Structure formats: C-alpha cells, structure tokens
C-alpha atoms as a PDB file:
ATOM      1  CA  MET A   1    -100.160  13.043  81.329  1.00  0.00           C
ATOM      2  CA  GLN A   2     -98.730  15.059  84.173  1.00  0.00           C
ATOM      3  CA  ARG A   3     -95.028  15.086  85.066  1.00  0.00           C
ATOM      4  CA  VAL A   4     -94.019  13.038  82.068  1.00  0.00           C
ATOM      5  CA  PHE A   5     -91.141  14.352  79.988  1.00  0.00           C
ATOM      6  CA  GLY A   6     -89.545  12.759  76.951  1.00  0.00           C
ATOM      7  CA  VAL A   7     -86.061  12.507  75.541  1.00  0.00           C
ATOM      8  CA  VAL A   8     -85.776  11.803  71.818  1.00  0.00           C
ATOM      9  CA  GLY A   9     -83.004  11.776  69.268  1.00  0.00           C
ATOM     10  CA  ARG A  10     -81.524   9.625  66.570  1.00  0.00           C
ATOM     11  CA  SER A  11     -79.911   6.315  67.456  1.00  0.00           C
ATOM     12  CA  GLY A  12     -76.479   6.803  69.008  1.00  0.00           C
ATOM     13  CA  SER A  13     -77.081  10.440  69.959  1.00  0.00           C
ATOM     14  CA  GLY A  14     -76.692   9.832  73.703  1.00  0.00           C
ATOM     15  CA  LYS A  15     -80.281   9.694  74.983  1.00  0.00           C
ATOM     16  CA  THR A  16     -79.693   6.876  77.453  1.00  0.00           C
ATOM     17  CA  THR A  17     -76.411   8.358  78.661  1.00  0.00           C
ATOM     18  CA  LEU A  18     -78.112  11.714  79.267  1.00  0.00           C
ATOM     19  CA  ILE A  19     -81.006  10.193  81.220  1.00  0.00           C
ATOM     20  CA  GLU A  20     -78.559   8.145  83.288  1.00  0.00           C
ATOM     21  CA  ALA A  21     -76.517  11.293  84.028  1.00  0.00           C
ATOM     22  CA  MET A  22     -79.610  13.309  85.087  1.00  0.00           C
ATOM     23  CA  ILE A  23     -81.090  10.772  87.513  1.00  0.00           C
ATOM     24  CA  PRO A  24     -78.575  11.503  90.337  1.00  0.00           C
ATOM     25  CA  TRP A  25     -79.518  15.215  90.208  1.00  0.00           C
ATOM     26  CA  PHE A  26     -83.213  14.393  90.609  1.00  0.00           C
ATOM     27  CA  THR A  27     -82.440  11.913  93.400  1.00  0.00           C
ATOM     28  CA  HIS A  28     -80.288  14.498  95.204  1.00  0.00           C
ATOM     29  CA  GLN A  29     -83.250  16.909  95.054  1.00  0.00           C
ATOM     30  CA  GLY A  30     -85.486  14.247  96.642  1.00  0.00           C
ATOM     31  CA  ILE A  31     -87.397  13.705  93.377  1.00  0.00           C
ATOM     32  CA  GLN A  32     -88.467  10.098  92.763  1.00  0.00           C
ATOM     33  CA  VAL A  33     -87.904   9.290  89.079  1.00  0.00           C
ATOM     34  CA  ALA A  34     -89.123   6.458  86.878  1.00  0.00           C
ATOM     35  CA  VAL A  35     -87.942   5.786  83.350  1.00  0.00           C
ATOM     36  CA  ILE A  36     -89.841   4.238  80.466  1.00  0.00           C
ATOM     37  CA  LYS A  37     -87.718   3.254  77.478  1.00  0.00           C
ATOM     38  CA  HIS A  38     -89.160   2.167  74.165  1.00  0.00           C
ATOM     39  CA  SER A  39     -87.331  -0.472  72.155  1.00  0.00           C
ATOM     40  CA  HIS A  40     -88.010  -1.845  68.696  1.00  0.00           C
ATOM     41  CA  HIS A  41     -86.229  -5.097  69.574  1.00  0.00           C
ATOM     42  CA  ASN A  42     -87.633  -8.366  70.914  1.00  0.00           C
ATOM     43  CA  LEU A  43     -86.298  -8.112  74.464  1.00  0.00           C
ATOM     44  CA  GLN A  44     -84.729 -11.077  76.242  1.00  0.00           C
ATOM     45  CA  PHE A  45     -84.740 -10.692  80.014  1.00  0.00           C
ATOM     46  CA  GLU A  46     -83.575 -14.121  81.091  1.00  0.00           C
ATOM     47  CA  PRO A  47     -82.054 -17.091  79.282  1.00  0.00           C
ATOM     48  CA  PRO A  48     -84.670 -19.521  77.920  1.00  0.00           C
ATOM     49  CA  HIS A  49     -83.983 -22.146  80.607  1.00  0.00           C
ATOM     50  CA  LYS A  50     -84.705 -19.810  83.569  1.00  0.00           C
ATOM     51  CA  ASP A  51     -88.010 -20.078  85.430  1.00  0.00           C
ATOM     52  CA  SER A  52     -89.701 -16.848  84.332  1.00  0.00           C
ATOM     53  CA  SER A  53     -88.843 -17.509  80.701  1.00  0.00           C
ATOM     54  CA  ARG A  54     -90.183 -21.048  80.998  1.00  0.00           C
ATOM     55  CA  PHE A  55     -93.474 -19.763  82.467  1.00  0.00           C
ATOM     56  CA  ARG A  56     -93.865 -17.248  79.629  1.00  0.00           C
ATOM     57  CA  SER A  57     -93.022 -19.887  77.024  1.00  0.00           C
ATOM     58  CA  ALA A  58     -95.644 -22.176  78.564  1.00  0.00           C
ATOM     59  CA  GLY A  59     -98.268 -19.475  77.921  1.00  0.00           C
ATOM     60  CA  ALA A  60     -98.504 -17.348  81.077  1.00  0.00           C
ATOM     61  CA  ARG A  61     -99.707 -13.854  80.111  1.00  0.00           C
ATOM     62  CA  GLU A  62     -97.841 -12.210  83.034  1.00  0.00           C
ATOM     63  CA  VAL A  63     -95.036 -13.382  85.300  1.00  0.00           C
ATOM     64  CA  ILE A  64     -93.635 -11.512  88.301  1.00  0.00           C
ATOM     65  CA  VAL A  65     -90.185 -12.397  89.592  1.00  0.00           C
ATOM     66  CA  ALA A  66     -89.502 -10.984  93.068  1.00  0.00           C
ATOM     67  CA  SER A  67     -86.597 -10.911  95.490  1.00  0.00           C
ATOM     68  CA  PRO A  68     -85.756  -8.860  98.588  1.00  0.00           C
ATOM     69  CA  TYR A  69     -83.962  -6.389  96.279  1.00  0.00           C
ATOM     70  CA  HIS A  70     -86.325  -5.762  93.345  1.00  0.00           C
ATOM     71  CA  TYR A  71     -89.030  -7.292  91.230  1.00  0.00           C
ATOM     72  CA  ALA A  72     -89.887  -7.434  87.551  1.00  0.00           C
ATOM     73  CA  LEU A  73     -93.190  -7.880  85.770  1.00  0.00           C
ATOM     74  CA  PHE A  74     -93.054  -9.636  82.411  1.00  0.00           C
ATOM     75  CA  HIS A  75     -96.127  -9.216  80.243  1.00  0.00           C
ATOM     76  CA  ASN A  76     -96.368 -11.193  77.008  1.00  0.00           C
ATOM     77  CA  LEU A  77     -97.814  -9.225  74.111  1.00  0.00           C
ATOM     78  CA  ASP A  78     -99.259 -10.061  70.770  1.00  0.00           C
ATOM     79  CA  GLN A  79     -97.300  -8.020  68.208  1.00  0.00           C
ATOM     80  CA  GLN A  80    -100.229  -5.704  67.496  1.00  0.00           C
ATOM     81  CA  ASP A  81    -100.835  -5.360  71.252  1.00  0.00           C
ATOM     82  CA  GLU A  82     -97.967  -2.947  72.047  1.00  0.00           C
ATOM     83  CA  PRO A  83     -99.046  -0.716  74.941  1.00  0.00           C
ATOM     84  CA  HIS A  84     -99.477   3.019  74.583  1.00  0.00           C
ATOM     85  CA  LEU A  85     -97.354   5.236  76.783  1.00  0.00           C
ATOM     86  CA  ALA A  86    -100.380   6.194  78.924  1.00  0.00           C
ATOM     87  CA  GLU A  87    -100.944   2.523  79.804  1.00  0.00           C
ATOM     88  CA  LEU A  88     -97.349   2.135  80.965  1.00  0.00           C
ATOM     89  CA  VAL A  89     -97.470   5.360  82.966  1.00  0.00           C
ATOM     90  CA  ALA A  90    -100.624   4.089  84.715  1.00  0.00           C
ATOM     91  CA  ARG A  91     -98.705   0.976  85.869  1.00  0.00           C
ATOM     92  CA  LEU A  92     -96.111   3.036  87.739  1.00  0.00           C
ATOM     93  CA  GLN A  93     -96.358   3.809  91.435  1.00  0.00           C
ATOM     94  CA  ASP A  94     -98.100   6.981  92.539  1.00  0.00           C
ATOM     95  CA  ASP A  95     -95.110   8.260  94.545  1.00  0.00           C
ATOM     96  CA  VAL A  96     -93.036   8.773  91.387  1.00  0.00           C
ATOM     97  CA  ALA A  97     -92.724  12.525  90.904  1.00  0.00           C
ATOM     98  CA  LEU A  98     -91.300  12.477  87.376  1.00  0.00           C
ATOM     99  CA  ILE A  99     -91.393   9.971  84.551  1.00  0.00           C
ATOM    100  CA  LEU A 100     -88.649  10.309  81.959  1.00  0.00           C
ATOM    101  CA  VAL A 101     -89.481   8.666  78.643  1.00  0.00           C
ATOM    102  CA  GLU A 102     -86.930   7.610  76.070  1.00  0.00           C
ATOM    103  CA  GLY A 103     -88.545   7.220  72.695  1.00  0.00           C
ATOM    104  CA  TYR A 104     -92.326   7.209  72.123  1.00  0.00           C
ATOM    105  CA  ARG A 105     -91.940  10.076  69.635  1.00  0.00           C
ATOM    106  CA  GLN A 106     -95.627  10.009  68.716  1.00  0.00           C
ATOM    107  CA  ALA A 107     -96.801  10.479  72.319  1.00  0.00           C
ATOM    108  CA  SER A 108     -98.179  13.910  73.101  1.00  0.00           C
ATOM    109  CA  ILE A 109     -95.722  14.906  75.846  1.00  0.00           C
ATOM    110  CA  PRO A 110     -93.145  17.671  76.175  1.00  0.00           C
ATOM    111  CA  ARG A 111     -89.672  16.515  75.258  1.00  0.00           C
ATOM    112  CA  LEU A 112     -86.167  17.549  74.441  1.00  0.00           C
ATOM    113  CA  GLU A 113     -84.068  16.266  71.600  1.00  0.00           C
ATOM    114  CA  VAL A 114     -80.471  15.163  71.905  1.00  0.00           C
ATOM    115  CA  HIS A 115     -78.854  16.423  68.714  1.00  0.00           C
ATOM    116  CA  ARG A 116     -75.202  15.949  67.794  1.00  0.00           C
ATOM    117  CA  PRO A 117     -74.383  17.654  64.486  1.00  0.00           C
ATOM    118  CA  SER A 118     -70.818  16.292  64.597  1.00  0.00           C
ATOM    119  CA  ARG A 119     -72.263  12.868  63.847  1.00  0.00           C
ATOM    120  CA  GLY A 120     -73.919  14.173  60.677  1.00  0.00           C
ATOM    121  CA  ILE A 121     -77.409  13.297  61.844  1.00  0.00           C
ATOM    122  CA  GLU A 122     -80.345  15.564  61.071  1.00  0.00           C
ATOM    123  CA  PRO A 123     -82.515  16.616  64.023  1.00  0.00           C
ATOM    124  CA  VAL A 124     -85.953  15.149  64.663  1.00  0.00           C
ATOM    125  CA  TYR A 125     -87.593  18.331  65.979  1.00  0.00           C
ATOM    126  CA  PRO A 126     -88.889  19.855  62.732  1.00  0.00           C
ATOM    127  CA  ASP A 127     -91.291  16.888  62.598  1.00  0.00           C
ATOM    128  CA  THR A 128     -92.126  16.915  66.307  1.00  0.00           C
ATOM    129  CA  GLU A 129     -94.040  19.866  67.710  1.00  0.00           C
ATOM    130  CA  GLN A 130     -93.675  18.759  71.349  1.00  0.00           C
ATOM    131  CA  VAL A 131     -89.891  19.370  71.375  1.00  0.00           C
ATOM    132  CA  VAL A 132     -89.364  22.273  73.796  1.00  0.00           C
ATOM    133  CA  ALA A 133     -85.531  22.314  73.800  1.00  0.00           C
ATOM    134  CA  LEU A 134     -82.527  20.886  72.004  1.00  0.00           C
ATOM    135  CA  VAL A 135     -79.556  19.381  73.796  1.00  0.00           C
ATOM    136  CA  SER A 136     -76.255  19.386  71.948  1.00  0.00           C
ATOM    137  CA  ASP A 137     -72.524  19.131  72.497  1.00  0.00           C
ATOM    138  CA  GLU A 138     -72.051  21.946  69.971  1.00  0.00           C
ATOM    139  CA  ALA A 139     -73.235  25.550  69.956  1.00  0.00           C
ATOM    140  CA  LEU A 140     -76.348  25.924  67.804  1.00  0.00           C
ATOM    141  CA  ALA A 141     -77.701  29.315  66.778  1.00  0.00           C
ATOM    142  CA  ASP A 142     -80.910  30.751  65.357  1.00  0.00           C
ATOM    143  CA  LEU A 143     -83.235  28.099  66.710  1.00  0.00           C
ATOM    144  CA  PRO A 144     -86.780  28.778  67.932  1.00  0.00           C
ATOM    145  CA  MET A 145     -86.160  27.029  71.271  1.00  0.00           C
ATOM    146  CA  PRO A 146     -83.579  26.818  74.058  1.00  0.00           C
ATOM    147  CA  VAL A 147     -80.364  24.919  73.316  1.00  0.00           C
ATOM    148  CA  LEU A 148     -78.872  23.173  76.341  1.00  0.00           C
ATOM    149  CA  ASP A 149     -75.321  21.886  76.780  1.00  0.00           C
ATOM    150  CA  LEU A 150     -75.199  18.077  76.643  1.00  0.00           C
ATOM    151  CA  ASN A 151     -72.168  18.173  78.957  1.00  0.00           C
ATOM    152  CA  GLN A 152     -74.227  19.822  81.735  1.00  0.00           C
ATOM    153  CA  PRO A 153     -76.780  17.143  82.727  1.00  0.00           C
ATOM    154  CA  GLU A 154     -77.587  18.893  86.016  1.00  0.00           C
ATOM    155  CA  GLN A 155     -78.665  22.024  84.138  1.00  0.00           C
ATOM    156  CA  ILE A 156     -80.739  19.926  81.733  1.00  0.00           C
ATOM    157  CA  ALA A 157     -82.414  18.133  84.660  1.00  0.00           C
ATOM    158  CA  ASP A 158     -83.153  21.499  86.288  1.00  0.00           C
ATOM    159  CA  PHE A 159     -84.636  22.745  82.986  1.00  0.00           C
ATOM    160  CA  ILE A 160     -86.919  19.689  82.809  1.00  0.00           C
ATOM    161  CA  TRP A 161     -88.061  20.011  86.435  1.00  0.00           C
ATOM    162  CA  THR A 162     -88.708  23.738  86.033  1.00  0.00           C
ATOM    163  CA  TYR A 163     -90.592  23.179  82.762  1.00  0.00           C
ATOM    164  CA  ILE A 164     -92.770  20.421  84.217  1.00  0.00           C
ATOM    165  CA  ASN A 165     -93.658  22.495  87.275  1.00  0.00           C
ATOM    166  CA  ASN A 166     -94.492  25.654  85.308  1.00  0.00           C
ATOM    167  CA  LYS A 167     -96.855  24.226  82.735  1.00  0.00           C
END
C-alpha cells in the first residue's frame, strides 16, 4: 500500500495525540491526510433511538448519514468479518495523499512507535519489523533506528513525509 504510514504504541502512550498534532503540519503543506484508527471496542456512533442506529438495528448492512457538512458510512459487520487495512484504504478517496493508521500492528506498512519509558511500558518494536523510528519524550540511546522527539510533531510529520516519498 502506497503512502500509508502507521503509528503504534501501547495504550496511553500518546498515539492519538501525536496524530492530531501532526495533521496541521500536513495540511499547511497542502497534503490531504486521512486517518484510519483501529479499535477493539464495540463502537457506538449514535444513541439507539436515532435514525441511523434504528436502520442498522433493523438489519441494514450499510447506512450513510449525510449533511451539508460531512457524511458517515456505517457498515455492520459479523464479528469474524473485520475488514483488513487494505480494504479500508481502498474505500478512501483518491485525492488523499497520505493515510495515517493508528493500530493495525499486523499490517505490513512502515510505522513509528510512540514509546514513553517514564510510564514503565516496554516498547512494541522488537516484535514488529516494520517500525522505522521510535518517538519518545525521553532521550533513548543505542537503538538501531532514529529516535524522534515526541514534543516536536512537525519534525515527526516531516520525517514521515520524507520517508514515504523516498521509499
């Protein structure tokens, strides 16, 4: 998958906050970004009494809710029917220049790991060969990959864009 880059890390490490902080840099550069986030939870998008929820509960496989401001596609899944990352990427618009992915550790995409040793959490990267850089709020030494400063999201975004365009 081209121009897809992942962000992984243990729960509470700051993955979502980092992605949120990088998006303005991409936007300022004129780079259209999409984000795919994996969740292990049963997501609730609207209260049960709202129209789209009622349609899904009645058995509709897909429901689109649209307004002049945005739209959402709800697709009901059987539990064993969870889509692969490639299927979700294929649903996105062609004019998206970069797709940032939170989670999907098993997908074969380049990624960085948000690692915060101060929280006593071991890194993921020894088990994940696609990790091309670590992001941390502490100095880390003697690692076989670049270590980026978590407090510099613009530099991390630039690293991702450079990496994606040079591979």
